[in-house]
Protein backbone atom coordinates (compact mmCIF):
# COMPACT_ATOMS: atom_id res chain seq x y z
CA MET A 1 50.24 82.00 40.27
CA TRP A 2 48.39 80.83 43.34
CA MET A 3 51.04 82.34 45.61
CA LEU A 4 50.81 85.63 43.73
CA MET A 5 47.04 85.73 44.21
CA GLU A 6 47.45 84.89 47.91
CA GLU A 7 50.01 87.68 48.29
CA ASN A 8 47.70 90.16 46.55
CA THR A 9 44.79 89.10 48.78
CA LYS A 10 46.97 89.57 51.84
CA ASN A 11 48.13 92.98 50.64
CA ASN A 12 44.51 94.03 49.95
CA TYR A 13 43.48 92.87 53.43
CA GLU A 14 46.33 94.79 55.06
CA GLN A 15 45.53 97.85 52.98
CA LYS A 16 41.85 97.70 53.92
CA LYS A 17 42.79 97.16 57.56
CA GLN A 18 45.06 100.21 57.47
CA ASP A 19 42.34 102.23 55.74
CA ARG A 20 39.83 101.21 58.43
CA GLU A 21 42.28 102.12 61.18
CA ARG A 22 42.97 105.50 59.57
CA ALA A 23 39.23 106.10 59.25
CA ARG A 24 38.70 105.21 62.91
CA ASP A 25 41.59 107.47 63.94
CA LEU A 26 40.15 110.29 61.86
CA LEU A 27 36.69 109.71 63.36
CA ARG A 28 38.11 109.71 66.90
CA ALA A 29 40.02 112.91 66.17
CA ASN A 30 36.88 114.58 64.81
CA GLU A 31 34.85 113.44 67.82
CA LYS A 32 37.56 114.73 70.17
CA MET A 33 37.59 118.09 68.39
CA LYS A 34 33.79 118.27 68.59
CA ARG A 35 33.82 117.50 72.32
CA LYS A 36 36.52 120.09 72.86
CA ALA A 37 34.54 122.68 70.88
CA VAL A 38 31.40 121.93 72.91
CA SER A 39 33.36 122.23 76.15
CA LEU A 40 34.86 125.54 75.08
CA MET A 41 31.42 126.79 74.09
CA ARG A 42 30.02 125.79 77.48
CA TYR A 43 32.87 127.54 79.29
CA ALA A 44 32.34 130.64 77.16
CA LEU A 45 28.61 130.65 77.91
CA TRP A 46 29.28 130.25 81.65
CA ILE A 47 31.76 133.12 81.56
CA VAL A 48 29.29 135.35 79.71
CA LEU A 49 26.51 134.35 82.13
CA LEU A 50 28.68 135.09 85.16
CA LEU A 51 29.67 138.45 83.70
CA VAL A 52 26.02 139.34 83.05
CA ILE A 53 24.99 138.27 86.56
CA GLY A 54 27.92 140.12 88.10
CA TYR A 55 27.12 143.29 86.20
CA GLY A 56 23.46 143.00 87.15
CA LEU A 57 24.36 142.61 90.82
CA PHE A 58 26.70 145.59 90.51
CA LEU A 59 23.90 147.74 89.09
CA LEU A 60 21.51 146.58 91.80
CA ALA A 61 24.06 147.40 94.47
CA GLN A 62 24.67 150.82 92.94
CA ASN A 63 20.95 151.57 92.77
CA ALA A 64 20.37 150.31 96.31
CA VAL A 65 22.91 152.64 97.89
CA PRO A 66 21.46 155.96 99.12
CA ASP A 67 23.12 158.99 97.60
CA GLY A 68 22.39 161.69 100.15
CA GLU A 69 22.30 162.45 103.86
CA ASP A 70 19.95 160.65 106.21
CA PHE A 71 17.61 163.29 107.69
CA SER A 72 15.35 160.84 109.50
CA VAL A 73 15.02 160.63 113.28
CA ALA A 74 15.00 157.33 115.18
CA HIS A 75 12.21 156.77 117.69
CA SER A 76 12.07 154.08 120.34
CA ILE A 77 9.83 151.16 119.46
CA GLN A 78 6.52 151.16 121.33
CA GLY A 79 5.70 147.52 120.67
CA GLN A 80 3.62 145.58 118.15
CA GLN A 81 0.33 145.15 119.98
CA HIS A 82 -2.82 144.57 117.93
CA ILE A 83 -5.94 146.48 118.96
CA ASP A 84 -9.54 146.55 117.77
CA VAL A 85 -10.59 149.25 115.31
CA GLY A 86 -11.53 152.39 117.23
CA SER A 87 -9.95 151.26 120.50
CA SER A 88 -8.13 153.80 122.66
CA HIS A 89 -4.42 153.45 123.34
CA PRO A 90 -1.51 155.46 124.82
CA SER A 91 -0.03 158.33 122.84
CA TYR A 92 2.54 157.65 120.16
CA ASN A 93 6.08 159.00 120.56
CA SER A 94 6.44 160.36 117.02
CA ASN A 95 4.40 162.31 114.48
CA PRO A 96 3.44 160.41 112.39
CA PRO A 97 3.70 157.31 114.57
CA SER A 98 6.32 154.79 113.53
CA SER A 99 5.54 151.84 115.82
CA GLY A 100 3.17 150.74 118.53
CA TRP A 101 -0.52 149.89 118.79
CA HIS A 102 -2.13 149.06 115.45
CA TYR A 103 -5.07 147.40 113.78
CA VAL A 104 -5.05 143.78 112.67
CA SER A 105 -5.39 144.57 108.95
CA PRO A 106 -2.82 146.73 107.13
CA ALA A 107 -3.66 149.11 104.30
CA ARG A 108 -3.23 148.11 100.71
CA GLY A 109 -0.10 149.63 99.19
CA GLY A 110 -0.61 152.49 96.74
CA PHE A 111 -1.72 156.10 96.49
CA TYR A 112 -4.69 157.50 98.44
CA ASN A 113 -6.64 160.73 98.20
CA GLU A 114 -8.39 160.05 101.51
CA MET A 115 -6.85 159.76 104.95
CA LEU A 116 -6.04 156.39 106.50
CA PRO A 117 -6.06 155.69 110.25
CA ASP A 118 -2.56 155.88 111.73
CA GLU A 119 -3.27 152.59 113.47
CA GLN A 120 -3.83 150.87 110.14
CA VAL A 121 -0.68 152.07 108.39
CA ILE A 122 1.49 151.22 111.40
CA HIS A 123 0.75 147.61 110.54
CA ASN A 124 2.28 148.25 107.11
CA LEU A 125 5.38 149.64 108.80
CA GLU A 126 5.57 146.48 110.90
CA HIS A 127 5.78 144.53 107.62
CA GLY A 128 8.66 146.72 106.44
CA ASP A 129 6.59 148.98 104.17
CA ILE A 130 7.20 152.72 103.72
CA TRP A 131 4.56 155.35 104.48
CA ILE A 132 4.67 158.71 102.72
CA ALA A 133 2.17 160.95 104.52
CA TYR A 134 1.49 164.27 102.78
CA HIS A 135 -0.41 167.26 104.12
CA PRO A 136 -3.76 167.75 102.29
CA GLY A 137 -2.74 171.35 101.58
CA THR A 138 0.12 170.33 99.29
CA SER A 139 -0.18 171.20 95.62
CA GLU A 140 -1.52 168.90 92.96
CA GLU A 141 1.94 168.82 91.36
CA ILE A 142 3.48 167.52 94.59
CA ARG A 143 0.77 164.91 94.98
CA ASP A 144 1.34 163.74 91.40
CA MET A 145 5.06 163.42 92.11
CA LEU A 146 4.46 161.48 95.33
CA GLU A 147 2.11 159.14 93.50
CA SER A 148 5.06 157.97 91.40
CA PHE A 149 6.57 156.47 94.56
CA ALA A 150 3.43 154.54 95.50
CA GLY A 151 3.49 150.79 95.15
CA GLN A 152 2.69 147.51 96.83
CA TYR A 153 5.15 148.28 99.61
CA VAL A 154 4.80 152.08 99.64
CA VAL A 155 1.65 153.72 101.03
CA VAL A 156 1.11 157.36 100.06
CA SER A 157 -1.79 159.09 101.83
CA PRO A 158 -2.88 162.51 103.13
CA ARG A 159 -2.62 163.29 106.84
CA THR A 160 -3.79 166.52 108.49
CA GLY A 161 -1.68 165.95 111.59
CA ASN A 162 1.61 166.25 109.74
CA GLY A 163 4.16 168.72 111.08
CA GLY A 164 5.33 169.49 107.53
CA ASP A 165 4.34 169.02 103.92
CA ILE A 166 5.72 165.49 103.76
CA SER A 167 6.57 162.83 106.32
CA LEU A 168 8.55 159.73 105.35
CA VAL A 169 7.89 156.93 107.81
CA ALA A 170 9.39 153.49 108.33
CA TRP A 171 9.42 151.24 111.39
CA GLY A 172 11.05 153.42 114.08
CA ARG A 173 12.13 156.20 111.66
CA VAL A 174 10.51 159.50 110.61
CA ASP A 175 11.70 162.25 108.27
CA THR A 176 9.40 165.29 108.05
CA PHE A 177 10.10 168.24 105.77
CA SER A 178 8.39 170.89 103.66
CA ALA A 179 8.62 171.78 99.98
CA GLU A 180 11.02 174.59 99.17
CA ASP A 181 9.44 177.04 96.72
CA GLY A 182 6.97 174.33 95.80
CA ILE A 183 9.73 171.85 94.95
CA VAL A 184 10.22 168.55 96.77
CA ASP A 185 13.58 166.81 96.99
CA GLU A 186 12.75 163.53 95.26
CA GLY A 187 16.23 162.19 96.01
CA ARG A 188 15.51 162.52 99.72
CA ILE A 189 12.42 160.36 99.34
CA ARG A 190 14.23 157.83 97.19
CA ASP A 191 17.12 157.58 99.66
CA PHE A 192 14.74 157.05 102.59
CA ILE A 193 13.09 154.17 100.77
CA LYS A 194 16.46 152.63 99.92
CA ARG A 195 17.62 152.88 103.53
CA TYR A 196 14.55 151.68 105.40
CA ASP A 197 12.48 149.55 103.04
CA ASN A 198 11.81 146.05 104.41
CA ARG A 199 13.32 146.85 107.84
CA GLY A 200 10.21 146.03 109.87
CA PRO A 201 10.17 143.31 112.52
CA GLU A 202 7.83 141.06 110.51
CA LYS A 203 9.36 139.59 107.34
CA VAL A 204 6.50 138.86 104.94
CA ARG A 205 8.06 139.71 101.59
CA GLY A 206 8.57 136.03 100.83
CA ILE A 207 4.85 135.59 100.18
CA GLN A 208 4.38 138.84 98.26
CA THR A 209 5.53 140.05 94.86
CA GLY A 210 6.32 143.34 93.22
CA HIS A 211 7.67 146.65 94.39
CA ALA A 212 7.74 150.29 93.35
CA GLY A 213 11.17 150.05 91.76
CA PHE A 214 13.37 150.39 94.86
């Protein structure tokens, strides 16, 4: 009788031991499956994130590429010398000027109904900004359209000395043209901005924010 009880106790112990081992094995298997599922989820999220970033970069690259012909003319750089407001200086080599003698303070980006001194906006060009100078005789519709291009890095202002209805100016580049039947080629303006935005000799964009969508 005693031996039978001892044998039963031994069998119960072995059975419980086997049950515990099976439970541990099952727990380890579940934990392994969970870790594998988490890893797969992380990989999937990384893949989705990379695809989203890649597609975003693709769209940015597509939008940044000019679509049409470059009508601008390159002009030799006349330096970056600062002068006092109202000071005399040699003549500029382009109309509007695209480099050379300029005031210490640039203009604030945006749309203007009043003229700005050439010497002030040249400082904007030095920073890589774009200047859209329109003749005061242009129609209200054209001015409204040009205003849509104005921004922190795009100055739009009237200028009586223009040789055409509109002059697009960047550092060392000028594109002057007139409206055809009262219609302005907006794509030409957009392409100019894409080509020559932030091409000035002074890189200051790191301490500024915002842009007009280009």
